[in-house]
Amino acid sequence: MRHADPRVRETALWSVSYVPYPNYLPELSFVRDNDVVEDLRDTAGILLEGFDDSGVAEQG
């Protein structure tokens, strides 16, 4: 999720959505708070909300 190419970062974001896992939370938070591409920040935020809604954080 920290690759230089935004297309790779986007693919990584969507990849983690298939198997929500608590270990992804720090990286998703980093992308949400720091990525230079607004769409990727937004996507990471949406994924974090979805992980939260499904109880992923409690699994960790």
Protein backbone atom coordinates (compact mmCIF):
# COMPACT_ATOMS: atom_id res chain seq x y z
CA MET A 1 0.00 0.00 0.00
CA ARG A 2 3.06 2.24 0.00
CA HIS A 3 4.28 1.53 -3.53
CA ALA A 4 5.31 4.57 -5.57
CA ASP A 5 2.78 3.81 -8.32
CA PRO A 6 -0.77 4.82 -7.31
CA ARG A 7 -2.21 2.04 -9.48
CA VAL A 8 -0.39 -0.53 -7.37
CA ARG A 9 -1.61 1.13 -4.17
CA GLU A 10 -5.17 1.09 -5.51
CA THR A 11 -4.91 -2.61 -6.33
CA ALA A 12 -3.56 -3.31 -2.86
CA LEU A 13 -6.47 -1.47 -1.27
CA TRP A 14 -9.04 -3.46 -3.19
CA SER A 15 -7.17 -6.69 -2.53
CA VAL A 16 -7.46 -6.34 1.23
CA SER A 17 -11.20 -5.82 0.91
CA TYR A 18 -11.65 -9.46 -0.15
CA VAL A 19 -10.33 -10.88 3.11
CA PRO A 20 -10.66 -8.33 5.91
CA TYR A 21 -7.92 -8.91 8.45
CA PRO A 22 -7.02 -6.81 11.51
CA ASN A 23 -3.37 -6.57 10.48
CA TYR A 24 -4.42 -4.38 7.56
CA LEU A 25 -5.82 -1.67 9.83
CA PRO A 26 -2.55 0.24 10.43
CA GLU A 27 -1.73 0.37 6.72
CA LEU A 28 -5.26 1.42 5.80
CA SER A 29 -5.07 4.16 8.42
CA PHE A 30 -1.73 5.29 7.01
CA VAL A 31 -3.14 5.50 3.49
CA ARG A 32 -6.28 7.31 4.70
CA ASP A 33 -4.19 9.88 6.55
CA ASN A 34 -1.17 10.28 4.25
CA ASP A 35 -1.64 9.22 0.63
CA VAL A 36 -1.14 12.00 -1.90
CA VAL A 37 -4.04 10.72 -4.02
CA GLU A 38 -7.39 11.84 -2.64
CA ASP A 39 -9.31 8.90 -4.15
CA LEU A 40 -7.00 6.43 -2.42
CA ARG A 41 -7.39 8.24 0.91
CA ASP A 42 -11.15 8.09 0.45
CA THR A 43 -11.07 4.40 -0.48
CA ALA A 44 -8.96 3.57 2.57
CA GLY A 45 -11.45 5.45 4.75
CA ILE A 46 -14.36 3.53 3.27
CA LEU A 47 -12.56 0.23 3.84
CA LEU A 48 -11.79 1.16 7.45
CA GLU A 49 -15.47 1.94 8.02
CA GLY A 50 -16.43 -1.40 6.50
CA PHE A 51 -13.88 -3.26 8.59
CA ASP A 52 -15.23 -1.51 11.68
CA ASP A 53 -18.86 -2.28 10.79
CA SER A 54 -18.03 -5.95 10.34
CA GLY A 55 -16.10 -6.22 13.60
CA VAL A 56 -12.68 -6.83 12.11
CA ALA A 57 -10.92 -4.72 14.76
CA GLU A 58 -12.29 -6.93 17.52
CA GLN A 59 -10.80 -10.00 15.84
CA GLY A 60 -7.25 -8.73 16.34
